[in-house]
Every structure is written in C-alpha cells, then in structure tokens.
Amino acid sequence: MTGAARETMFEPTRFRAAIFDLDGTLVHSEHVWERAKVEVTARYGKRPSQALLDAHVGRGLKDFLDELFGMPLTPDMRRAIGEQIGAEADLWLDKLREPVPGAREWLVSLAEAGLRIAICSSSPRRHIEGALEMLDVTDVVELAVSGAELPVGKPDPLPFLTTLDRLGLAAADAFAIEDSVPGARAATGAGLFTLAIGPGCTGPAYDFCHLRAESYAGLHHPAPRPAPGVNR
C-alpha cells in the first residue's frame, strides 16, 4: 500500500499525544552533526566514511564511535569525544540549522486540536531546547526526552518507552513521527503507530512503518479544539 493511500486512513485526533523526533523531522541539522563528527574524530586520526555516517543518522554516538575506532571505548573516552562533538556542533547549529518545511505548522495544528506534544531525540538536551526556540514551539511542547541522557539510544525502544512513561500514556495512546530507519525501529519497537516522513521514506526500507510520506505537504491538519463554552 502506498504512503498516500495509507495517509487517507490516518486520523491523528484518535491519539492523545504526538511524539516527534527532532533532527530531520522538525529541523535539518544532520549536516551539522556530520561536520562535527568528522572534525573531532580527525583529532584522533580517524576519518569516518560516508557510509558509516549515513548508517548512524538518528542514532546516539556510542555505536558510531565504537565502530569507527574498531573496539568498544571506555565510558570516559566515549564521554570525552562525545562532549567534543557536541561542543563542535554548538559552533554551527545556530547558523546552519533549518526548519523542515511544513513541520512546525503540522505540529502546532496537532497541539491546537488537543494532542499533547513531546520530543524524543538522540540530541543533547541543550540542542533540543535550541531547536524548539528557533521553531517557536516551546509553549506547545510538553516534554522533551534526550536519548543522550539514557543508558541506550535509538534504535533501542528505550527513548520512546521513557517518553511514554513520563507522559503517563500507553503506546496505543500516542503516535511517533520519525525520519530515519533507526528512529522508526525504536518507535515501532515501543509499540507506537509510526509515521515515517521525509525524502526517501516511502521507499522499501520503511515498509515496516504504519504510514509513510515524503513531506508534510498533504498531511491532514485537524481542526482546532473548540474553546471551553463554545458550541459547534
């Protein structure tokens, strides 16, 4: 079944919450993280291939660094390199991060329809907060969960399970919006209805997702919830 055909059966207001990934889903910033990874790992005499960088889009740094160095790193070394990569990204994110077309408008329409909005991202918390400020959605996002603060990140379902737990919701009460295979695997692994959205997301790699779309264009914008005391 095509992504377009699936979309016609999708009604977001049957859920109580929408859980958005960040990088690639709400903002374009993976190119900044790629630059930071290349710059920092070069200090250690390493040069990640494009294939390795692509394979770890939407995932935390642990597996990327272990694979690049060819061995499991000590927690202290992994933390030190990760902090350097984060600091390098800090230099460029505000200048190079861009909103994904249509993402903010759809997120706001869901919030206005009464859905609770959460973020579940592999990024450090400060980068999540900076992106939400740039998008001007801090007032409608109830919760942000950073996989960088958890024992394991995507594609493990723990980040989404943690988000559900903090929202106090069952998996059936929420749906996830992702743009990468590891992120979508994490969401479906947590039992969430999963929308994969972005260039290439209607391809066969995303066949396991419940709904697929190349962009936010054409997604249903639910009607705003009536104000208290207003009859329709």
C-alpha atoms as a PDB file:
ATOM      1  CA  MET A   1       0.000   0.000   0.000  1.00  0.00           C
ATOM      2  CA  THR A   2       1.400   3.412  -0.892  1.00  0.00           C
ATOM      3  CA  GLY A   3       2.137   6.161   1.618  1.00  0.00           C
ATOM      4  CA  ALA A   4      -0.566   8.325   0.067  1.00  0.00           C
ATOM      5  CA  ALA A   5      -3.152   5.557   0.378  1.00  0.00           C
ATOM      6  CA  ARG A   6      -2.218   4.929   3.961  1.00  0.00           C
ATOM      7  CA  GLU A   7      -2.479   8.631   4.784  1.00  0.00           C
ATOM      8  CA  THR A   8      -6.156   8.749   3.914  1.00  0.00           C
ATOM      9  CA  MET A   9      -6.831   6.323   6.767  1.00  0.00           C
ATOM     10  CA  PHE A  10      -4.791   8.292   9.302  1.00  0.00           C
ATOM     11  CA  GLU A  11      -6.679  10.484  11.747  1.00  0.00           C
ATOM     12  CA  PRO A  12      -4.273  11.995  14.290  1.00  0.00           C
ATOM     13  CA  THR A  13      -7.007  13.079  16.688  1.00  0.00           C
ATOM     14  CA  ARG A  14      -7.742   9.448  17.593  1.00  0.00           C
ATOM     15  CA  PHE A  15      -4.497   9.670  19.590  1.00  0.00           C
ATOM     16  CA  ARG A  16      -3.842  11.630  22.766  1.00  0.00           C
ATOM     17  CA  ALA A  17      -0.229  12.564  22.009  1.00  0.00           C
ATOM     18  CA  ALA A  18       2.255  13.004  19.164  1.00  0.00           C
ATOM     19  CA  ILE A  19       5.919  12.210  19.801  1.00  0.00           C
ATOM     20  CA  PHE A  20       8.281  13.915  17.358  1.00  0.00           C
ATOM     21  CA  ASP A  21      11.880  13.098  16.598  1.00  0.00           C
ATOM     22  CA  LEU A  22      13.931  16.275  16.103  1.00  0.00           C
ATOM     23  CA  ASP A  23      16.815  16.060  13.626  1.00  0.00           C
ATOM     24  CA  GLY A  24      15.453  15.547  10.117  1.00  0.00           C
ATOM     25  CA  THR A  25      11.872  15.522  11.374  1.00  0.00           C
ATOM     26  CA  LEU A  26      11.466  19.072  12.699  1.00  0.00           C
ATOM     27  CA  VAL A  27      14.811  20.643  11.790  1.00  0.00           C
ATOM     28  CA  HIS A  28      17.557  19.932   9.279  1.00  0.00           C
ATOM     29  CA  SER A  29      20.736  19.606  11.345  1.00  0.00           C
ATOM     30  CA  GLU A  30      22.264  16.247  10.482  1.00  0.00           C
ATOM     31  CA  HIS A  31      24.760  18.000   8.185  1.00  0.00           C
ATOM     32  CA  VAL A  32      25.985  19.950  11.221  1.00  0.00           C
ATOM     33  CA  TRP A  33      26.400  16.782  13.282  1.00  0.00           C
ATOM     34  CA  GLU A  34      28.212  15.125  10.381  1.00  0.00           C
ATOM     35  CA  ARG A  35      30.636  18.032  10.187  1.00  0.00           C
ATOM     36  CA  ALA A  36      31.223  17.905  13.944  1.00  0.00           C
ATOM     37  CA  LYS A  37      31.870  14.154  13.904  1.00  0.00           C
ATOM     38  CA  VAL A  38      34.392  14.467  11.070  1.00  0.00           C
ATOM     39  CA  GLU A  39      36.199  17.440  12.659  1.00  0.00           C
ATOM     40  CA  VAL A  40      36.524  15.883  16.108  1.00  0.00           C
ATOM     41  CA  THR A  41      37.393  12.312  15.149  1.00  0.00           C
ATOM     42  CA  ALA A  42      40.144  13.647  12.879  1.00  0.00           C
ATOM     43  CA  ARG A  43      41.900  14.768  16.074  1.00  0.00           C
ATOM     44  CA  TYR A  44      42.197  11.084  16.920  1.00  0.00           C
ATOM     45  CA  GLY A  45      43.465  10.109  13.492  1.00  0.00           C
ATOM     46  CA  LYS A  46      40.100   8.721  12.348  1.00  0.00           C
ATOM     47  CA  ARG A  47      38.116   9.522   9.221  1.00  0.00           C
ATOM     48  CA  PRO A  48      34.575   8.121   9.131  1.00  0.00           C
ATOM     49  CA  SER A  49      33.316   7.016   5.749  1.00  0.00           C
ATOM     50  CA  GLN A  50      30.134   8.494   4.345  1.00  0.00           C
ATOM     51  CA  ALA A  51      28.558   5.053   4.628  1.00  0.00           C
ATOM     52  CA  LEU A  52      29.333   4.946   8.353  1.00  0.00           C
ATOM     53  CA  LEU A  53      27.978   8.454   8.872  1.00  0.00           C
ATOM     54  CA  ASP A  54      24.803   7.601   6.959  1.00  0.00           C
ATOM     55  CA  ALA A  55      24.320   4.371   8.908  1.00  0.00           C
ATOM     56  CA  HIS A  56      24.234   6.274  12.195  1.00  0.00           C
ATOM     57  CA  VAL A  57      21.807   9.037  11.282  1.00  0.00           C
ATOM     58  CA  GLY A  58      19.208   9.286  14.034  1.00  0.00           C
ATOM     59  CA  ARG A  59      21.277   7.275  16.500  1.00  0.00           C
ATOM     60  CA  GLY A  60      23.397   8.139  19.510  1.00  0.00           C
ATOM     61  CA  LEU A  61      27.187   8.356  19.427  1.00  0.00           C
ATOM     62  CA  LYS A  62      28.081   5.133  21.274  1.00  0.00           C
ATOM     63  CA  ASP A  63      27.792   2.657  18.412  1.00  0.00           C
ATOM     64  CA  PHE A  64      29.191   5.177  15.906  1.00  0.00           C
ATOM     65  CA  LEU A  65      32.358   5.708  17.958  1.00  0.00           C
ATOM     66  CA  ASP A  66      32.832   2.031  18.790  1.00  0.00           C
ATOM     67  CA  GLU A  67      32.539   1.097  15.114  1.00  0.00           C
ATOM     68  CA  LEU A  68      34.809   3.918  13.970  1.00  0.00           C
ATOM     69  CA  PHE A  69      37.533   3.035  16.471  1.00  0.00           C
ATOM     70  CA  GLY A  70      37.098  -0.687  15.882  1.00  0.00           C
ATOM     71  CA  MET A  71      36.597  -1.502  19.552  1.00  0.00           C
ATOM     72  CA  PRO A  72      34.356  -0.626  22.490  1.00  0.00           C
ATOM     73  CA  LEU A  73      35.623   2.607  24.005  1.00  0.00           C
ATOM     74  CA  THR A  74      35.807   3.171  27.728  1.00  0.00           C
ATOM     75  CA  PRO A  75      32.921   5.240  29.106  1.00  0.00           C
ATOM     76  CA  ASP A  76      35.321   8.078  29.936  1.00  0.00           C
ATOM     77  CA  MET A  77      36.818   8.199  26.448  1.00  0.00           C
ATOM     78  CA  ARG A  78      33.410   7.959  24.811  1.00  0.00           C
ATOM     79  CA  ARG A  79      32.118  10.762  27.008  1.00  0.00           C
ATOM     80  CA  ALA A  80      35.150  12.958  26.248  1.00  0.00           C
ATOM     81  CA  ILE A  81      34.813  12.531  22.481  1.00  0.00           C
ATOM     82  CA  GLY A  82      31.049  12.977  22.646  1.00  0.00           C
ATOM     83  CA  GLU A  83      31.430  16.232  24.557  1.00  0.00           C
ATOM     84  CA  GLN A  84      33.879  17.491  21.940  1.00  0.00           C
ATOM     85  CA  ILE A  85      31.477  16.589  19.128  1.00  0.00           C
ATOM     86  CA  GLY A  86      28.661  18.384  20.965  1.00  0.00           C
ATOM     87  CA  ALA A  87      30.827  21.455  21.513  1.00  0.00           C
ATOM     88  CA  GLU A  88      31.807  21.496  17.838  1.00  0.00           C
ATOM     89  CA  ALA A  89      28.145  21.246  16.838  1.00  0.00           C
ATOM     90  CA  ASP A  90      27.383  24.167  19.164  1.00  0.00           C
ATOM     91  CA  LEU A  91      29.567  26.376  16.975  1.00  0.00           C
ATOM     92  CA  TRP A  92      27.442  25.769  13.883  1.00  0.00           C
ATOM     93  CA  LEU A  93      23.917  24.782  14.863  1.00  0.00           C
ATOM     94  CA  ASP A  94      22.508  28.273  15.300  1.00  0.00           C
ATOM     95  CA  LYS A  95      23.909  29.306  11.901  1.00  0.00           C
ATOM     96  CA  LEU A  96      23.190  26.193   9.846  1.00  0.00           C
ATOM     97  CA  ARG A  97      20.122  24.554  11.416  1.00  0.00           C
ATOM     98  CA  GLU A  98      16.982  24.994   9.283  1.00  0.00           C
ATOM     99  CA  PRO A  99      13.321  24.132   9.864  1.00  0.00           C
ATOM    100  CA  VAL A 100      11.850  21.232   7.920  1.00  0.00           C
ATOM    101  CA  PRO A 101       9.180  22.734   5.620  1.00  0.00           C
ATOM    102  CA  GLY A 102       5.680  22.268   6.995  1.00  0.00           C
ATOM    103  CA  ALA A 103       6.796  20.561  10.213  1.00  0.00           C
ATOM    104  CA  ARG A 104       6.094  23.417  12.617  1.00  0.00           C
ATOM    105  CA  GLU A 105       2.690  24.110  11.109  1.00  0.00           C
ATOM    106  CA  TRP A 106       1.627  20.481  11.426  1.00  0.00           C
ATOM    107  CA  LEU A 107       2.929  20.208  14.998  1.00  0.00           C
ATOM    108  CA  VAL A 108       1.030  23.344  16.010  1.00  0.00           C
ATOM    109  CA  SER A 109      -2.156  22.093  14.334  1.00  0.00           C
ATOM    110  CA  LEU A 110      -1.944  18.897  16.394  1.00  0.00           C
ATOM    111  CA  ALA A 111      -1.488  20.887  19.594  1.00  0.00           C
ATOM    112  CA  GLU A 112      -4.423  23.149  18.728  1.00  0.00           C
ATOM    113  CA  ALA A 113      -6.538  20.038  18.162  1.00  0.00           C
ATOM    114  CA  GLY A 114      -5.807  18.973  21.739  1.00  0.00           C
ATOM    115  CA  LEU A 115      -2.951  16.498  21.324  1.00  0.00           C
ATOM    116  CA  ARG A 116      -0.105  16.542  23.804  1.00  0.00           C
ATOM    117  CA  ILE A 117       3.237  17.150  22.078  1.00  0.00           C
ATOM    118  CA  ALA A 118       6.535  15.543  23.072  1.00  0.00           C
ATOM    119  CA  ILE A 119      10.028  15.342  21.601  1.00  0.00           C
ATOM    120  CA  CYS A 120      12.095  12.156  21.650  1.00  0.00           C
ATOM    121  CA  SER A 121      15.541  12.864  20.214  1.00  0.00           C
ATOM    122  CA  SER A 122      19.071  11.464  20.291  1.00  0.00           C
ATOM    123  CA  SER A 123      20.436  15.010  20.607  1.00  0.00           C
ATOM    124  CA  PRO A 124      21.717  16.548  23.844  1.00  0.00           C
ATOM    125  CA  ARG A 125      19.068  18.498  25.728  1.00  0.00           C
ATOM    126  CA  ARG A 126      20.609  21.899  25.017  1.00  0.00           C
ATOM    127  CA  HIS A 127      20.373  21.230  21.288  1.00  0.00           C
ATOM    128  CA  ILE A 128      16.752  20.138  21.590  1.00  0.00           C
ATOM    129  CA  GLU A 129      15.922  23.313  23.501  1.00  0.00           C
ATOM    130  CA  GLY A 130      17.742  25.493  20.956  1.00  0.00           C
ATOM    131  CA  ALA A 131      15.815  23.940  18.077  1.00  0.00           C
ATOM    132  CA  LEU A 132      12.462  24.356  19.824  1.00  0.00           C
ATOM    133  CA  GLU A 133      13.248  28.012  20.480  1.00  0.00           C
ATOM    134  CA  MET A 134      14.167  28.501  16.825  1.00  0.00           C
ATOM    135  CA  LEU A 135      10.862  26.923  15.790  1.00  0.00           C
ATOM    136  CA  ASP A 136       8.971  28.959  18.416  1.00  0.00           C
ATOM    137  CA  VAL A 137       7.163  25.921  19.783  1.00  0.00           C
ATOM    138  CA  THR A 138       8.450  25.804  23.359  1.00  0.00           C
ATOM    139  CA  ASP A 139       4.992  26.799  24.606  1.00  0.00           C
ATOM    140  CA  VAL A 140       3.261  23.810  22.963  1.00  0.00           C
ATOM    141  CA  VAL A 141       5.872  21.099  23.599  1.00  0.00           C
ATOM    142  CA  GLU A 142       5.067  19.485  26.931  1.00  0.00           C
ATOM    143  CA  LEU A 143       8.042  17.152  27.232  1.00  0.00           C
ATOM    144  CA  ALA A 144      11.467  16.596  25.684  1.00  0.00           C
ATOM    145  CA  VAL A 145      13.409  13.371  26.197  1.00  0.00           C
ATOM    146  CA  SER A 146      17.084  13.218  25.210  1.00  0.00           C
ATOM    147  CA  GLY A 147      18.486   9.816  24.345  1.00  0.00           C
ATOM    148  CA  ALA A 148      21.913  11.196  25.311  1.00  0.00           C
ATOM    149  CA  GLU A 149      20.741  11.043  28.936  1.00  0.00           C
ATOM    150  CA  LEU A 150      19.661   7.374  28.766  1.00  0.00           C
ATOM    151  CA  PRO A 151      21.671   4.129  29.025  1.00  0.00           C
ATOM    152  CA  VAL A 152      20.883   3.232  25.396  1.00  0.00           C
ATOM    153  CA  GLY A 153      19.520   5.245  22.487  1.00  0.00           C
ATOM    154  CA  LYS A 154      17.726   4.589  19.226  1.00  0.00           C
ATOM    155  CA  PRO A 155      17.218   2.068  17.586  1.00  0.00           C
ATOM    156  CA  ASP A 156      16.563   0.655  21.059  1.00  0.00           C
ATOM    157  CA  PRO A 157      12.965   1.483  22.059  1.00  0.00           C
ATOM    158  CA  LEU A 158      14.033   2.843  25.477  1.00  0.00           C
ATOM    159  CA  PRO A 159      13.860   6.543  24.472  1.00  0.00           C
ATOM    160  CA  PHE A 160      10.254   6.174  23.298  1.00  0.00           C
ATOM    161  CA  LEU A 161       9.313   3.955  26.240  1.00  0.00           C
ATOM    162  CA  THR A 162      10.756   6.618  28.548  1.00  0.00           C
ATOM    163  CA  THR A 163       8.746   9.299  26.762  1.00  0.00           C
ATOM    164  CA  LEU A 164       5.537   7.312  27.147  1.00  0.00           C
ATOM    165  CA  ASP A 165       6.289   6.683  30.808  1.00  0.00           C
ATOM    166  CA  ARG A 166       6.855  10.374  31.503  1.00  0.00           C
ATOM    167  CA  LEU A 167       3.665  11.262  29.666  1.00  0.00           C
ATOM    168  CA  GLY A 168       1.806   8.625  31.659  1.00  0.00           C
ATOM    169  CA  LEU A 169       0.413   7.098  28.461  1.00  0.00           C
ATOM    170  CA  ALA A 170       0.175   3.654  26.912  1.00  0.00           C
ATOM    171  CA  ALA A 171       1.666   3.077  23.460  1.00  0.00           C
ATOM    172  CA  ALA A 172      -1.826   2.911  21.934  1.00  0.00           C
ATOM    173  CA  ASP A 173      -2.467   6.491  23.070  1.00  0.00           C
ATOM    174  CA  ALA A 174       0.326   8.106  21.032  1.00  0.00           C
ATOM    175  CA  PHE A 175       1.981   8.055  17.634  1.00  0.00           C
ATOM    176  CA  ALA A 176       5.565   8.782  16.617  1.00  0.00           C
ATOM    177  CA  ILE A 177       6.985  10.889  13.796  1.00  0.00           C
ATOM    178  CA  GLU A 178      10.427   9.844  12.543  1.00  0.00           C
ATOM    179  CA  ASP A 179      12.641  10.335   9.501  1.00  0.00           C
ATOM    180  CA  SER A 180      15.284   7.624   9.950  1.00  0.00           C
ATOM    181  CA  VAL A 181      15.158   3.835   9.964  1.00  0.00           C
ATOM    182  CA  PRO A 182      16.819   3.535  13.412  1.00  0.00           C
ATOM    183  CA  GLY A 183      14.355   6.043  14.868  1.00  0.00           C
ATOM    184  CA  ALA A 184      11.377   4.355  13.272  1.00  0.00           C
ATOM    185  CA  ARG A 185      12.598   0.969  14.525  1.00  0.00           C
ATOM    186  CA  ALA A 186      12.796   2.416  18.036  1.00  0.00           C
ATOM    187  CA  ALA A 187       9.254   3.785  17.771  1.00  0.00           C
ATOM    188  CA  THR A 188       7.688   0.591  16.433  1.00  0.00           C
ATOM    189  CA  GLY A 189       9.671  -1.390  18.985  1.00  0.00           C
ATOM    190  CA  ALA A 190       7.959   0.663  21.672  1.00  0.00           C
ATOM    191  CA  GLY A 191       4.592  -0.312  20.200  1.00  0.00           C
ATOM    192  CA  LEU A 192       3.837   3.093  18.677  1.00  0.00           C
ATOM    193  CA  PHE A 193       1.940   3.824  15.477  1.00  0.00           C
ATOM    194  CA  THR A 194       4.805   5.252  13.423  1.00  0.00           C
ATOM    195  CA  LEU A 195       4.780   7.883  10.694  1.00  0.00           C
ATOM    196  CA  ALA A 196       7.998   7.969   8.659  1.00  0.00           C
ATOM    197  CA  ILE A 197       8.289  11.312   6.927  1.00  0.00           C
ATOM    198  CA  GLY A 198      10.950  12.796   4.708  1.00  0.00           C
ATOM    199  CA  PRO A 199      12.733  12.229   1.380  1.00  0.00           C
ATOM    200  CA  GLY A 200      13.049   8.507   0.746  1.00  0.00           C
ATOM    201  CA  CYS A 201      10.639   7.495   3.491  1.00  0.00           C
ATOM    202  CA  THR A 202       8.197   5.932   1.043  1.00  0.00           C
ATOM    203  CA  GLY A 203      10.930   3.509  -0.034  1.00  0.00           C
ATOM    204  CA  PRO A 204      11.075  -0.188   0.873  1.00  0.00           C
ATOM    205  CA  ALA A 205      13.396   0.391   3.855  1.00  0.00           C
ATOM    206  CA  TYR A 206      10.397   1.894   5.668  1.00  0.00           C
ATOM    207  CA  ASP A 207       7.846  -0.784   4.786  1.00  0.00           C
ATOM    208  CA  PHE A 208       7.531  -1.729   8.456  1.00  0.00           C
ATOM    209  CA  CYS A 209       6.113   1.724   9.336  1.00  0.00           C
ATOM    210  CA  HIS A 210       2.375   2.285   9.597  1.00  0.00           C
ATOM    211  CA  LEU A 211       2.400   5.441   7.476  1.00  0.00           C
ATOM    212  CA  ARG A 212       4.957   6.904   5.078  1.00  0.00           C
ATOM    213  CA  ALA A 213       5.203  10.281   3.368  1.00  0.00           C
ATOM    214  CA  GLU A 214       7.886  12.227   1.516  1.00  0.00           C
ATOM    215  CA  SER A 215       6.930  15.538   3.155  1.00  0.00           C
ATOM    216  CA  TYR A 216       4.379  17.232   5.381  1.00  0.00           C
ATOM    217  CA  ALA A 217       2.526  18.538   2.339  1.00  0.00           C
ATOM    218  CA  GLY A 218      -0.849  16.875   2.155  1.00  0.00           C
ATOM    219  CA  LEU A 219      -0.929  15.579   5.726  1.00  0.00           C
ATOM    220  CA  HIS A 220      -4.262  16.169   7.409  1.00  0.00           C
ATOM    221  CA  HIS A 221      -4.360  19.263   9.624  1.00  0.00           C
ATOM    222  CA  PRO A 222      -7.003  18.603  12.291  1.00  0.00           C
ATOM    223  CA  ALA A 223      -9.436  21.357  13.225  1.00  0.00           C
ATOM    224  CA  PRO A 224      -8.617  23.337  16.370  1.00  0.00           C
ATOM    225  CA  ARG A 225     -10.335  22.189  19.532  1.00  0.00           C
ATOM    226  CA  PRO A 226     -13.264  24.489  20.397  1.00  0.00           C
ATOM    227  CA  ALA A 227     -12.660  26.870  23.277  1.00  0.00           C
ATOM    228  CA  PRO A 228     -14.487  25.987  26.518  1.00  0.00           C
ATOM    229  CA  GLY A 229     -18.112  27.038  26.340  1.00  0.00           C
ATOM    230  CA  VAL A 230     -18.132  27.281  22.558  1.00  0.00           C
ATOM    231  CA  ASN A 231     -20.686  25.116  20.752  1.00  0.00           C
ATOM    232  CA  ARG A 232     -20.251  23.962  17.187  1.00  0.00           C
END
